[in-house]
N, C-alpha and C. Protein backbone atom coordinates (compact mmCIF):
# COMPACT_ATOMS: atom_id res chain seq x y z
N UNK A 1 0.81 -1.18 0.00
CA UNK A 1 0.00 0.00 0.00
C UNK A 1 0.86 1.25 0.00
N UNK A 2 1.95 1.25 0.77
CA UNK A 2 2.79 2.43 0.81
C UNK A 2 3.45 2.70 -0.54
N UNK A 3 3.65 1.62 -1.31
CA UNK A 3 4.21 1.82 -2.65
C UNK A 3 3.23 2.60 -3.52
N UNK A 4 1.96 2.33 -3.41
CA UNK A 4 0.95 3.05 -4.17
C UNK A 4 0.89 4.50 -3.75
N UNK A 5 1.05 4.78 -2.45
CA UNK A 5 1.05 6.16 -1.96
C UNK A 5 2.26 6.90 -2.51
N UNK A 6 3.40 6.23 -2.50
CA UNK A 6 4.62 6.84 -3.02
C UNK A 6 4.48 7.16 -4.51
N UNK A 7 3.90 6.22 -5.25
CA UNK A 7 3.70 6.44 -6.69
C UNK A 7 2.72 7.60 -6.94
N UNK A 8 1.68 7.66 -6.16
CA UNK A 8 0.70 8.73 -6.31
C UNK A 8 1.33 10.07 -5.95
N UNK A 9 2.13 10.09 -4.89
CA UNK A 9 2.83 11.32 -4.50
C UNK A 9 3.80 11.75 -5.58
N UNK A 10 4.54 10.79 -6.12
CA UNK A 10 5.50 11.08 -7.19
C UNK A 10 4.77 11.59 -8.43
N UNK A 11 3.64 10.97 -8.76
CA UNK A 11 2.87 11.41 -9.92
C UNK A 11 2.34 12.82 -9.70
N UNK A 12 1.88 13.11 -8.49
CA UNK A 12 1.40 14.46 -8.16
C UNK A 12 2.49 15.49 -8.29
N UNK A 13 3.70 15.16 -7.80
CA UNK A 13 4.83 16.08 -7.91
C UNK A 13 5.21 16.30 -9.37
N UNK A 14 5.15 15.23 -10.15
CA UNK A 14 5.47 15.33 -11.58
C UNK A 14 4.46 16.24 -12.29
N UNK A 15 3.17 16.08 -11.95
CA UNK A 15 2.14 16.91 -12.55
C UNK A 15 2.32 18.37 -12.15
N UNK A 16 2.68 18.61 -10.89
CA UNK A 16 2.93 19.98 -10.44
C UNK A 16 4.10 20.58 -11.21
N UNK A 17 5.15 19.78 -11.41
CA UNK A 17 6.31 20.24 -12.16
C UNK A 17 5.93 20.57 -13.61
N UNK A 18 5.08 19.72 -14.18
CA UNK A 18 4.62 19.95 -15.56
C UNK A 18 3.80 21.24 -15.62
N UNK A 19 2.92 21.45 -14.66
CA UNK A 19 2.10 22.66 -14.63
C UNK A 19 2.98 23.91 -14.46
N UNK A 20 3.97 23.84 -13.58
CA UNK A 20 4.89 24.97 -13.39
C UNK A 20 5.62 25.28 -14.70
N UNK A 21 6.08 24.22 -15.37
CA UNK A 21 6.79 24.40 -16.64
C UNK A 21 5.91 24.99 -17.71
N UNK A 22 4.65 24.55 -17.75
CA UNK A 22 3.74 25.10 -18.77
C UNK A 22 3.42 26.55 -18.46
N UNK A 23 3.39 26.91 -17.18
CA UNK A 23 3.19 28.31 -16.81
C UNK A 23 4.35 29.17 -17.28
N UNK A 24 5.57 28.64 -17.15
CA UNK A 24 6.75 29.37 -17.62
C UNK A 24 6.72 29.53 -19.14
N UNK A 25 6.31 28.48 -19.83
CA UNK A 25 6.22 28.53 -21.30
C UNK A 25 5.16 29.55 -21.71
N UNK A 26 4.04 29.55 -21.02
CA UNK A 26 2.99 30.51 -21.31
C UNK A 26 3.49 31.94 -21.12
N UNK A 27 4.24 32.17 -20.05
CA UNK A 27 4.82 33.49 -19.81
C UNK A 27 5.78 33.89 -20.92
N UNK A 28 6.60 32.94 -21.36
CA UNK A 28 7.56 33.24 -22.44
C UNK A 28 6.83 33.55 -23.73
N UNK A 29 5.79 32.78 -24.04
CA UNK A 29 5.02 33.02 -25.28
C UNK A 29 4.34 34.38 -25.21
N UNK A 30 3.82 34.74 -24.04
CA UNK A 30 3.19 36.05 -23.88
C UNK A 30 4.20 37.16 -24.09
N UNK A 31 5.41 37.01 -23.55
CA UNK A 31 6.46 38.00 -23.74
C UNK A 31 6.85 38.12 -25.21
N UNK A 32 6.95 36.99 -25.88
CA UNK A 32 7.30 36.99 -27.31
C UNK A 32 6.21 37.69 -28.12
N UNK A 33 4.96 37.42 -27.79
CA UNK A 33 3.84 38.05 -28.51
C UNK A 33 3.86 39.56 -28.30
N UNK A 34 4.14 40.00 -27.06
CA UNK A 34 4.19 41.44 -26.78
C UNK A 34 5.34 42.09 -27.55
N UNK A 35 6.48 41.42 -27.59
CA UNK A 35 7.64 41.95 -28.33
C UNK A 35 7.32 42.04 -29.82
N UNK A 36 6.63 41.04 -30.35
CA UNK A 36 6.26 41.04 -31.77
C UNK A 36 5.31 42.21 -32.07
N UNK A 37 4.38 42.49 -31.17
CA UNK A 37 3.46 43.62 -31.35
C UNK A 37 4.23 44.94 -31.34
N UNK A 38 5.19 45.05 -30.43
CA UNK A 38 5.99 46.28 -30.37
C UNK A 38 6.79 46.46 -31.65
N UNK A 39 7.36 45.37 -32.15
CA UNK A 39 8.14 45.45 -33.39
C UNK A 39 7.23 45.83 -34.57
N UNK A 40 6.03 45.27 -34.60
CA UNK A 40 5.10 45.61 -35.68
C UNK A 40 4.73 47.09 -35.62
N UNK A 41 4.50 47.58 -34.41
CA UNK A 41 4.17 48.99 -34.24
C UNK A 41 5.33 49.87 -34.69
N UNK A 42 6.54 49.50 -34.28
CA UNK A 42 7.73 50.27 -34.69
C UNK A 42 7.90 50.23 -36.20
N UNK A 43 7.65 49.09 -36.81
CA UNK A 43 7.76 48.96 -38.27
C UNK A 43 6.76 49.87 -38.96
N UNK A 44 5.55 49.95 -38.43
CA UNK A 44 4.54 50.83 -39.01
C UNK A 44 4.96 52.30 -38.89
N UNK A 45 5.53 52.66 -37.75
CA UNK A 45 6.00 54.04 -37.56
C UNK A 45 7.13 54.35 -38.54
N UNK A 46 8.04 53.40 -38.73
CA UNK A 46 9.15 53.60 -39.66
C UNK A 46 8.60 53.76 -41.08
N UNK A 47 7.65 52.91 -41.46
CA UNK A 47 7.06 53.00 -42.80
C UNK A 47 6.37 54.34 -43.00
N UNK A 48 5.69 54.80 -41.98
CA UNK A 48 5.02 56.10 -42.06
C UNK A 48 6.03 57.23 -42.21
N UNK A 49 7.12 57.14 -41.45
CA UNK A 49 8.17 58.16 -41.55
C UNK A 49 8.82 58.15 -42.93
N UNK A 50 9.06 56.98 -43.46
CA UNK A 50 9.67 56.89 -44.79
C UNK A 50 8.72 57.48 -45.84
N UNK A 51 7.43 57.20 -45.69
CA UNK A 51 6.44 57.77 -46.62
C UNK A 51 6.44 59.29 -46.53
N UNK A 52 6.52 59.81 -45.32
CA UNK A 52 6.56 61.26 -45.12
C UNK A 52 7.82 61.86 -45.74
N UNK A 53 8.95 61.20 -45.55
CA UNK A 53 10.21 61.68 -46.13
C UNK A 53 10.12 61.66 -47.66
N UNK A 54 9.54 60.60 -48.20
CA UNK A 54 9.39 60.49 -49.65
C UNK A 54 8.52 61.63 -50.19
N UNK A 55 7.41 61.89 -49.50
CA UNK A 55 6.53 62.98 -49.92
C UNK A 55 7.26 64.32 -49.86
N UNK A 56 7.99 64.54 -48.78
CA UNK A 56 8.75 65.79 -48.66
C UNK A 56 9.79 65.90 -49.77
N UNK A 57 10.46 64.80 -50.07
CA UNK A 57 11.44 64.80 -51.15
C UNK A 57 10.82 65.14 -52.48
N UNK A 58 9.63 64.60 -52.73
CA UNK A 58 8.93 64.90 -53.98
C UNK A 58 8.54 66.38 -54.05
N UNK A 59 8.11 66.92 -52.91
CA UNK A 59 7.74 68.34 -52.87
C UNK A 59 8.96 69.21 -53.11
N UNK A 60 10.08 68.85 -52.50
CA UNK A 60 11.32 69.61 -52.70
C UNK A 60 11.75 69.54 -54.16
N UNK A 61 11.64 68.36 -54.73
CA UNK A 61 12.01 68.18 -56.14
C UNK A 61 11.13 69.05 -57.04
N UNK A 62 9.83 69.07 -56.75
CA UNK A 62 8.91 69.89 -57.55
C UNK A 62 9.23 71.38 -57.38
N UNK A 63 9.49 71.79 -56.13
CA UNK A 63 9.82 73.19 -55.89
C UNK A 63 11.13 73.57 -56.59
N UNK A 64 12.10 72.67 -56.60
CA UNK A 64 13.36 72.93 -57.28
C UNK A 64 13.15 73.07 -58.79
N UNK A 65 12.29 72.22 -59.35
CA UNK A 65 11.98 72.31 -60.78
C UNK A 65 11.30 73.63 -61.10
N UNK A 66 10.35 74.03 -60.23
CA UNK A 66 9.67 75.30 -60.45
C UNK A 66 10.65 76.47 -60.31
N UNK A 67 11.56 76.39 -59.37
CA UNK A 67 12.57 77.45 -59.20
C UNK A 67 13.48 77.53 -60.42
N UNK A 68 13.86 76.36 -60.94
CA UNK A 68 14.71 76.34 -62.13
C UNK A 68 13.96 76.96 -63.32
N UNK A 69 12.68 76.64 -63.44
CA UNK A 69 11.88 77.23 -64.52
C UNK A 69 11.77 78.74 -64.36
N UNK A 70 11.55 79.19 -63.13
CA UNK A 70 11.45 80.63 -62.87
C UNK A 70 12.79 81.32 -63.15
N UNK A 71 13.89 80.67 -62.79
CA UNK A 71 15.21 81.25 -63.05
C UNK A 71 15.47 81.36 -64.55
N UNK A 72 15.05 80.34 -65.28
CA UNK A 72 15.20 80.38 -66.74
C UNK A 72 14.38 81.52 -67.33
N UNK A 73 13.15 81.65 -66.88
CA UNK A 73 12.29 82.74 -67.35
C UNK A 73 12.87 84.09 -66.98
N UNK A 74 13.39 84.22 -65.78
CA UNK A 74 14.01 85.47 -65.33
C UNK A 74 15.23 85.79 -66.20
N UNK A 75 15.99 84.80 -66.53
CA UNK A 75 17.16 85.00 -67.39
C UNK A 75 16.73 85.49 -68.77
N UNK A 76 15.67 84.89 -69.33
CA UNK A 76 15.16 85.32 -70.63
C UNK A 76 14.67 86.78 -70.55
N UNK A 77 13.97 87.10 -69.47
CA UNK A 77 13.48 88.47 -69.29
C UNK A 77 14.64 89.46 -69.19
N UNK A 78 15.69 89.05 -68.48
CA UNK A 78 16.87 89.93 -68.35
C UNK A 78 17.53 90.14 -69.70
N UNK A 79 17.63 89.10 -70.50
CA UNK A 79 18.22 89.23 -71.83
C UNK A 79 17.37 90.14 -72.70
N UNK A 80 16.07 89.97 -72.62
CA UNK A 80 15.17 90.81 -73.40
C UNK A 80 15.28 92.27 -72.95
N UNK A 81 15.35 92.49 -71.65
CA UNK A 81 15.48 93.85 -71.12
C UNK A 81 16.81 94.46 -71.57
N UNK A 82 17.88 93.70 -71.51
CA UNK A 82 19.18 94.19 -71.99
C UNK A 82 19.12 94.55 -73.47
N UNK A 83 18.42 93.75 -74.25
CA UNK A 83 18.28 94.02 -75.67
C UNK A 83 17.51 95.32 -75.89
N UNK A 84 16.46 95.54 -75.11
CA UNK A 84 15.67 96.77 -75.25
C UNK A 84 16.49 97.97 -74.81
N UNK A 85 17.19 97.84 -73.69
CA UNK A 85 17.99 98.94 -73.16
C UNK A 85 19.12 99.31 -74.12
N UNK A 86 19.68 98.31 -74.78
CA UNK A 86 20.81 98.58 -75.69
C UNK A 86 20.39 99.45 -76.87
N UNK A 87 19.13 99.58 -77.13
CA UNK A 87 18.64 100.41 -78.24
C UNK A 87 18.68 101.90 -77.88
N UNK A 88 18.69 102.18 -76.57
CA UNK A 88 18.72 103.56 -76.15
C UNK A 88 20.17 104.06 -76.12
N UNK A 89 20.34 105.28 -76.54
CA UNK A 89 21.67 105.90 -76.48
C UNK A 89 21.60 107.13 -75.59
N UNK A 90 22.64 107.30 -74.83
CA UNK A 90 22.68 108.45 -73.93
C UNK A 90 23.63 109.50 -74.47
């Protein structure tokens, strides 16, 4: 009879050990899931920042093109003005 009690006690201790281990695994999985969510959030923020930088770059590029066009037009106007002024004699 005492052998049966010992086996039952041993089985109970083994089950407790298994439950403790599964609790640790559950905690680790929960930590991993939280870390994955944080990484996903950070990735979304990075993607948003890159999109914003790209948009800003496109706007700067467009403004530079418009400035170059305005400078070209200003140069043409200056040449035309010089041509008109050269007709006058003092």
